[in-house]
Amino acid sequence: MSDPFTVTLPDDCTVRTIGTLHGEIAAALASTADLALDCAAVARADIAFVQLVVAASATAERQAKRLTLVDAPDIVRSAFARAGLTAQSPFRQAPFLHAA
């Protein structure tokens, strides 16, 4: 299996940047079957980010593709927890969240 295509997320993954992030993730999903979102630099994440990731994961699943988060800091895990989710809960493909 080849390495996934990686999108490196910015420090701000909030409603302020969600439009740009959506475009980048949608384009990447359109061009690859295995997408990794590198969260190492994320310093701010909110419910808009969680919603984007959940929606992107559902799209990937419908298209028989794989989406993973890598190097997710506590702020990313907290955003999922505040939304009442674990990083794995909305996803059927396992595992969704990976450490580096």
Protein backbone atom coordinates (compact mmCIF):
# COMPACT_ATOMS: atom_id res chain seq x y z
CA MET A 1 0.00 0.00 0.00
CA SER A 2 1.34 3.44 -0.89
CA ASP A 3 1.60 6.32 1.53
CA PRO A 4 -1.50 8.49 1.86
CA PHE A 5 -1.71 11.93 0.30
CA THR A 6 -1.27 14.38 3.18
CA VAL A 7 -2.93 17.74 3.68
CA THR A 8 -1.15 19.74 6.37
CA LEU A 9 -3.72 21.68 8.35
CA PRO A 10 -3.03 25.24 9.52
CA ASP A 11 -2.91 26.41 13.13
CA ASP A 12 -6.41 27.90 12.86
CA CYS A 13 -9.08 25.29 12.07
CA THR A 14 -12.13 27.31 13.04
CA VAL A 15 -15.15 28.84 11.37
CA ARG A 16 -12.85 31.65 10.15
CA THR A 17 -10.90 29.27 7.90
CA ILE A 18 -13.43 26.52 7.24
CA GLY A 19 -14.21 27.59 3.67
CA THR A 20 -10.59 27.33 2.61
CA LEU A 21 -10.12 24.05 4.47
CA HIS A 22 -13.24 22.62 2.85
CA GLY A 23 -11.89 23.42 -0.60
CA GLU A 24 -8.49 21.88 0.12
CA ILE A 25 -9.94 18.71 1.63
CA ALA A 26 -12.56 18.30 -1.13
CA ALA A 27 -9.91 18.69 -3.83
CA ALA A 28 -7.64 16.19 -2.11
CA LEU A 29 -10.47 13.65 -1.70
CA ALA A 30 -11.27 14.03 -5.39
CA SER A 31 -7.71 13.14 -6.35
CA THR A 32 -6.75 10.33 -3.95
CA ALA A 33 -8.18 7.21 -2.32
CA ASP A 34 -6.12 7.58 0.86
CA LEU A 35 -6.05 11.00 2.52
CA ALA A 36 -4.31 11.97 5.76
CA LEU A 37 -5.01 15.25 7.52
CA ASP A 38 -1.87 16.25 9.42
CA CYS A 39 -3.07 18.07 12.53
CA ALA A 40 0.32 18.68 14.17
CA ALA A 41 0.16 22.47 13.73
CA VAL A 42 -3.48 22.89 14.82
CA ALA A 43 -3.68 25.32 17.75
CA ARG A 44 -7.39 26.26 17.43
CA ALA A 45 -10.26 23.98 16.43
CA ASP A 46 -13.99 24.38 16.86
CA ILE A 47 -17.26 22.67 15.97
CA ALA A 48 -16.98 23.84 12.35
CA PHE A 49 -13.76 21.84 12.05
CA VAL A 50 -15.36 18.77 13.62
CA GLN A 51 -18.33 19.04 11.24
CA LEU A 52 -15.98 19.34 8.26
CA VAL A 53 -14.00 16.27 9.29
CA VAL A 54 -17.16 14.22 9.94
CA ALA A 55 -18.61 15.24 6.56
CA ALA A 56 -15.33 14.53 4.75
CA SER A 57 -15.12 11.14 6.41
CA ALA A 58 -18.67 10.30 5.33
CA THR A 59 -17.82 11.35 1.77
CA ALA A 60 -14.68 9.22 1.83
CA GLU A 61 -16.61 6.23 3.13
CA ARG A 62 -19.32 6.57 0.45
CA GLN A 63 -16.58 6.64 -2.19
CA ALA A 64 -14.70 3.67 -0.66
CA LYS A 65 -11.81 5.97 0.27
CA ARG A 66 -9.90 6.38 3.50
CA LEU A 67 -9.53 9.53 5.61
CA THR A 68 -7.34 9.68 8.70
CA LEU A 69 -6.17 12.35 11.11
CA VAL A 70 -2.53 12.16 12.12
CA ASP A 71 -0.59 13.87 14.89
CA ALA A 72 -3.78 15.25 16.45
CA PRO A 73 -2.92 17.43 19.45
CA ASP A 74 -5.14 17.68 22.52
CA ILE A 75 -6.95 20.69 21.04
CA VAL A 76 -8.27 18.52 18.19
CA ARG A 77 -9.30 15.72 20.54
CA SER A 78 -10.99 18.33 22.75
CA ALA A 79 -12.96 19.74 19.83
CA PHE A 80 -14.35 16.26 19.14
CA ALA A 81 -15.10 15.76 22.84
CA ARG A 82 -16.94 19.11 23.06
CA ALA A 83 -19.06 17.93 20.14
CA GLY A 84 -19.90 14.78 22.09
CA LEU A 85 -17.73 12.58 19.89
CA THR A 86 -14.57 10.62 20.15
CA ALA A 87 -12.37 10.81 17.10
CA GLN A 88 -13.46 7.27 16.23
CA SER A 89 -17.20 7.43 16.99
CA PRO A 90 -18.71 8.74 13.76
CA PHE A 91 -16.57 6.56 11.53
CA ARG A 92 -16.97 2.96 10.49
CA GLN A 93 -13.56 2.59 8.92
CA ALA A 94 -10.94 1.85 11.51
CA PRO A 95 -8.91 3.42 12.79
CA PHE A 96 -9.65 7.05 12.09
CA LEU A 97 -7.25 8.85 14.39
CA HIS A 98 -3.57 7.93 14.33
CA ALA A 99 -0.55 9.07 16.24
CA ALA A 100 2.61 9.61 14.22
